[in-house]
Amino acid sequence: MGTQISPMLAVSDGAAAIEFYKAAFDASVLWSLGGGGHIVAGLSIDGARFFLAQESPPYRTRSPDSVGFTTVRIELFVDDPVAVQAHALAAGAVEHSPVNEPRYDTAGPVPIKRMLQGAVVDPFGHMWRIGKFWHQWKIGKPLNRQLFIG
C-alpha cells in the first residue's frame, strides 16, 4: 500500500454521523468501536476511506457544529456531482453552493482546466465540496470517487 491521507472527522454524535454518511454518500462502515458513548469508525465512499470520531476535548478535538466553524474542506470527486449533491441534500445536508462550472487559472504540472463543483455542509458542520474534473474526463480518464482534503 502506498501513502494515503485520510481525514478523521470530529463529530458531535458518532452514531448519527454514521447514519448520515451512509444515507448521503452511500458510505460503507468498515469498522467501528464504542457504542452508546464515544464512537470511532472507519468508513468508505466508493473505496475512498475516511474516519470519524466523537469529539473529545481531552484529545483537543471538537466538531465544527460545537465550535461554529470548520478548518478543513473535504473534496469528494465523483462521476456525477449533481446527483451526489442532490442525494446529500435529501439526506439532510445544507447547500453551501450549487453545482456549477467555476473557472480556475491554475499553474503547475497538473493544472485544473475545467471542473464541475458544488458544496454542502453536513449536519455536523463539515463542508463537502463535491465535484468532477471535466478535462480529465474528456481525455478518457474518468476519476473514480476520491477523497481529498483542501
Foldseek 3Di string as FASTA:
>chain_A
DDDDDAEAAAFQDVVVVVVLCCQQQVKDWPDWDDPPDWIKTWIDRQNAIYIYTHADVVVPGDFCVVVVADPKAKEKEAPDLQVSVVRSVVSPWAWPFHWDKDADDDDDPDDQGIKTWTWTAHPRGHIYIYMFRPVCVVVPRGDHIYIDMD
